[in-house]
N, C-alpha and C. Protein backbone atom coordinates (compact mmCIF):
# COMPACT_ATOMS: atom_id res chain seq x y z
N MET A 1 65.26 24.90 157.79
CA MET A 1 64.79 25.57 159.02
C MET A 1 63.59 24.71 159.39
N ALA A 2 63.80 24.54 160.87
CA ALA A 2 62.85 23.65 161.41
C ALA A 2 61.59 24.32 162.05
N TYR A 3 60.31 24.29 161.81
CA TYR A 3 59.20 24.72 162.33
C TYR A 3 58.12 23.85 163.04
N ILE A 4 58.20 23.50 164.37
CA ILE A 4 57.67 22.63 165.09
C ILE A 4 56.57 23.41 165.60
N GLY A 5 55.32 23.26 165.43
CA GLY A 5 54.02 23.89 166.00
C GLY A 5 54.13 25.48 165.34
N GLY A 6 54.79 25.74 164.68
CA GLY A 6 54.62 27.15 163.98
C GLY A 6 54.41 27.08 162.67
N VAL A 7 53.94 28.27 162.22
CA VAL A 7 53.98 28.49 160.55
C VAL A 7 54.94 28.97 159.99
N ALA A 8 55.32 28.33 158.82
CA ALA A 8 56.57 28.50 158.05
C ALA A 8 56.21 29.47 156.83
N GLY A 9 55.03 29.43 156.35
CA GLY A 9 54.73 30.06 155.47
C GLY A 9 53.15 30.01 154.95
N PHE A 10 53.02 30.28 153.64
CA PHE A 10 51.92 30.30 153.06
C PHE A 10 51.75 29.63 151.66
N ALA A 11 50.80 28.88 151.41
CA ALA A 11 50.37 28.14 150.15
C ALA A 11 49.30 29.03 149.28
N ARG A 12 49.41 29.16 148.20
CA ARG A 12 48.20 29.62 147.36
C ARG A 12 48.28 29.41 146.00
N ILE A 13 47.19 28.99 145.56
CA ILE A 13 47.10 28.68 144.11
C ILE A 13 47.17 29.83 143.62
N SER A 14 47.87 29.74 142.04
CA SER A 14 48.29 31.20 141.33
C SER A 14 47.01 31.43 140.40
N LYS A 15 47.17 32.61 140.40
CA LYS A 15 46.40 33.35 139.27
C LYS A 15 45.77 32.44 138.52
N SER A 16 46.63 31.99 137.45
CA SER A 16 45.96 31.05 136.23
C SER A 16 45.46 29.93 136.99
N GLY A 17 45.56 29.36 137.96
CA GLY A 17 45.20 28.22 138.42
C GLY A 17 45.90 26.77 138.18
N LYS A 18 46.94 27.07 137.67
CA LYS A 18 47.94 25.97 137.33
C LYS A 18 49.13 25.42 138.08
N ALA A 19 49.40 26.25 139.04
CA ALA A 19 50.62 26.01 139.98
C ALA A 19 50.10 26.54 141.37
N LEU A 20 50.91 25.84 142.20
CA LEU A 20 50.90 26.23 143.63
C LEU A 20 52.22 27.33 144.13
N ASN A 21 51.58 28.25 144.54
CA ASN A 21 52.91 28.91 145.16
C ASN A 21 52.93 29.21 146.67
N VAL A 22 54.19 28.92 147.10
CA VAL A 22 54.84 28.85 148.22
C VAL A 22 55.27 30.11 148.65
N ASP A 23 54.92 30.95 149.63
CA ASP A 23 55.83 31.81 150.34
C ASP A 23 56.10 31.31 151.58
N LEU A 24 57.36 31.50 151.66
CA LEU A 24 57.89 31.31 153.31
C LEU A 24 58.38 32.29 154.24
N THR A 25 57.92 32.08 155.38
CA THR A 25 58.36 33.39 156.51
C THR A 25 59.65 34.35 156.04
N ASN A 26 60.67 33.35 155.79
CA ASN A 26 62.07 33.83 155.87
C ASN A 26 62.14 34.88 154.13
N GLY A 27 60.78 34.88 153.41
CA GLY A 27 61.05 35.55 152.18
C GLY A 27 61.44 34.71 150.79
N GLU A 28 61.50 33.57 151.32
CA GLU A 28 61.65 32.66 149.94
C GLU A 28 60.41 32.34 149.33
N ARG A 29 60.47 32.18 147.93
CA ARG A 29 59.28 31.81 147.34
C ARG A 29 59.66 30.70 146.51
N PHE A 30 58.53 29.65 146.12
CA PHE A 30 58.74 28.29 145.56
C PHE A 30 57.39 28.36 144.72
N THR A 31 57.44 27.57 143.41
CA THR A 31 56.25 27.39 143.01
C THR A 31 56.36 25.61 142.47
N VAL A 32 55.12 25.07 142.35
CA VAL A 32 54.92 23.63 141.70
C VAL A 32 53.92 23.54 141.01
N ALA A 33 53.84 22.85 139.90
CA ALA A 33 52.80 22.50 138.73
C ALA A 33 51.55 22.20 139.72
N ARG A 34 50.51 22.20 139.52
CA ARG A 34 49.50 21.66 140.36
C ARG A 34 49.17 20.33 139.81
N ASP A 35 49.21 20.02 138.44
CA ASP A 35 49.13 18.88 137.87
C ASP A 35 50.08 17.84 138.24
N ALA A 36 51.51 18.36 138.50
CA ALA A 36 52.72 17.48 139.03
C ALA A 36 52.32 17.21 140.60
N LEU A 37 51.58 17.90 141.09
CA LEU A 37 51.37 17.79 142.65
C LEU A 37 50.34 16.94 142.64
N GLN A 38 49.20 16.74 141.99
CA GLN A 38 48.22 16.15 142.15
C GLN A 38 48.83 14.65 141.88
N ALA A 39 49.56 14.45 140.94
CA ALA A 39 50.23 13.25 140.13
C ALA A 39 50.86 12.62 141.65
N VAL A 40 51.76 13.30 142.18
CA VAL A 40 52.48 13.01 143.49
C VAL A 40 51.41 12.31 144.60
N LEU A 41 50.16 13.34 144.79
CA LEU A 41 49.58 12.78 146.01
C LEU A 41 48.61 11.77 145.70
N GLY A 42 48.18 11.52 144.34
CA GLY A 42 47.77 10.43 143.99
C GLY A 42 48.44 9.20 143.60
N LYS A 43 49.96 9.17 144.05
CA LYS A 43 50.88 8.13 143.74
C LYS A 43 50.87 7.79 142.28
N ARG A 44 50.64 8.29 141.22
CA ARG A 44 51.19 8.18 140.11
C ARG A 44 52.35 8.51 139.57
N GLU A 45 52.79 9.30 140.48
CA GLU A 45 54.34 10.19 140.00
C GLU A 45 55.15 9.88 141.56
N ARG A 46 56.44 9.77 141.57
CA ARG A 46 57.04 9.81 142.64
C ARG A 46 58.03 10.88 143.15
N PHE A 47 57.71 12.18 142.40
CA PHE A 47 58.53 13.49 142.35
C PHE A 47 57.46 14.42 141.67
N ALA A 48 57.93 15.69 142.08
CA ALA A 48 57.29 17.06 140.99
C ALA A 48 58.47 17.84 141.40
N SER A 49 58.52 18.51 140.11
CA SER A 49 59.57 19.79 139.99
C SER A 49 59.41 20.76 140.87
N VAL A 50 59.97 21.60 141.71
CA VAL A 50 59.93 22.74 142.00
C VAL A 50 60.61 23.79 141.62
N ALA A 51 60.19 25.07 141.23
CA ALA A 51 60.88 25.88 140.83
C ALA A 51 60.99 27.03 142.13
N VAL A 52 62.06 27.74 141.91
CA VAL A 52 62.57 29.14 142.67
C VAL A 52 62.13 30.20 142.11
N LEU A 53 60.90 31.30 143.13
CA LEU A 53 60.49 32.08 142.19
C LEU A 53 61.19 33.67 142.54
N PRO A 54 61.66 34.49 142.02
CA PRO A 54 62.22 35.60 142.51
C PRO A 54 61.60 36.16 143.78
N PRO A 55 62.11 37.11 144.76
CA PRO A 55 61.44 37.40 145.76
C PRO A 55 60.53 38.63 145.58
N LEU A 56 59.59 39.03 146.04
CA LEU A 56 58.81 40.07 145.99
C LEU A 56 59.57 41.50 146.10
N LEU A 57 59.21 42.52 145.53
CA LEU A 57 59.61 43.74 145.52
C LEU A 57 58.83 44.34 146.04
N ILE A 58 58.81 44.72 147.52
CA ILE A 58 57.70 45.54 147.89
C ILE A 58 58.52 47.23 147.88
N THR A 59 57.70 48.17 147.23
CA THR A 59 57.69 49.21 146.83
C THR A 59 56.76 50.46 147.42
N THR A 60 57.05 51.10 148.33
CA THR A 60 56.16 51.84 149.39
C THR A 60 56.31 53.03 148.32
N PRO A 61 55.11 53.63 148.41
CA PRO A 61 54.79 54.95 147.26
C PRO A 61 55.63 56.21 147.90
N VAL A 62 56.29 56.84 147.28
CA VAL A 62 56.76 58.35 147.76
C VAL A 62 55.75 59.26 147.84
N ARG A 63 55.78 59.86 149.27
CA ARG A 63 54.78 60.81 149.23
C ARG A 63 55.43 62.22 149.69
N ASN A 64 54.83 63.07 149.75
CA ASN A 64 55.38 64.21 150.06
C ASN A 64 56.82 64.93 149.66
N ARG A 65 56.91 64.62 148.48
CA ARG A 65 57.95 64.89 147.77
C ARG A 65 57.91 66.77 147.81
N LEU A 66 59.17 66.77 148.03
CA LEU A 66 59.63 68.44 147.56
C LEU A 66 60.00 68.69 146.05
N LEU A 67 59.71 69.84 145.74
CA LEU A 67 59.96 70.32 144.34
C LEU A 67 61.47 70.36 144.13
N THR A 68 62.13 70.41 145.21
CA THR A 68 63.61 70.62 144.66
C THR A 68 64.28 69.25 144.64
N ASP A 69 63.36 67.87 145.03
CA ASP A 69 63.81 66.43 144.89
C ASP A 69 63.86 66.34 142.94
N TYR A 70 63.24 67.20 142.36
CA TYR A 70 63.12 67.04 141.15
C TYR A 70 63.96 68.09 140.41
N TYR A 71 64.46 68.74 141.10
CA TYR A 71 65.68 69.72 140.38
C TYR A 71 66.86 69.15 140.91
N PRO A 72 67.99 68.79 139.76
CA PRO A 72 69.17 68.80 140.15
C PRO A 72 70.07 69.54 140.95
N HIS A 73 69.81 70.48 141.00
CA HIS A 73 70.48 71.69 142.09
C HIS A 73 70.18 71.99 143.19
N SER A 74 70.89 72.26 143.96
CA SER A 74 70.37 72.88 145.27
C SER A 74 69.61 74.04 145.53
N SER A 75 68.51 74.02 146.40
CA SER A 75 67.24 74.87 146.55
C SER A 75 68.00 76.52 146.62
N PHE A 76 68.95 76.23 147.37
CA PHE A 76 69.81 77.48 147.99
C PHE A 76 70.89 78.07 147.08
N GLU A 77 70.87 77.47 145.81
CA GLU A 77 71.84 78.13 144.83
C GLU A 77 71.26 79.40 144.25
N GLY A 78 72.49 80.10 144.73
CA GLY A 78 72.03 81.61 143.77
C GLY A 78 71.32 82.57 144.83
N TYR A 79 71.13 82.04 146.38
CA TYR A 79 70.39 82.84 147.34
C TYR A 79 70.94 82.96 148.38
N ASN A 80 71.13 84.43 148.90
CA ASN A 80 72.03 84.51 150.04
C ASN A 80 71.13 84.34 151.48
N LEU A 81 71.56 83.25 152.11
CA LEU A 81 70.62 82.97 153.39
C LEU A 81 70.66 83.89 154.21
N ASP A 82 71.94 85.10 154.41
CA ASP A 82 71.87 85.91 155.25
C ASP A 82 71.01 87.16 154.97
N GLU A 83 71.01 87.31 154.17
CA GLU A 83 70.14 88.47 153.78
C GLU A 83 68.59 88.24 153.31
N GLY A 84 68.41 87.04 152.86
CA GLY A 84 67.05 86.65 152.64
C GLY A 84 66.61 87.05 150.93
N ARG A 85 67.81 87.25 150.12
CA ARG A 85 67.34 88.07 149.05
C ARG A 85 68.37 86.92 147.98
N ARG A 86 68.00 87.06 146.40
CA ARG A 86 68.55 86.46 145.43
C ARG A 86 69.68 87.24 145.66
N VAL A 87 70.99 86.51 145.05
CA VAL A 87 72.21 87.17 144.55
C VAL A 87 72.52 87.13 143.22
N PRO A 88 72.51 88.43 142.62
CA PRO A 88 73.09 88.22 141.14
C PRO A 88 73.91 87.41 140.64
N ALA A 89 73.53 86.67 139.40
CA ALA A 89 74.55 85.91 138.96
C ALA A 89 75.38 86.51 137.89
């Protein structure tokens, strides 16, 4: 993908400080060891290994759940909607 004059993603140092994590705007993620990257930039090495990270799972919390969501049967089971009362089982 060619990005001329635009942002292709973001690079951040990992929480441990030992790697550089790259998050691209298309959802792909990569990581490279910080020591290996410094060796390449310092011209001590010719390449650094890059690893693919699994995509982030964006989970949104579920809100406003109904009690019937936790009950395996229909909430109207055994209830007569026409008369508005329970039907004897």
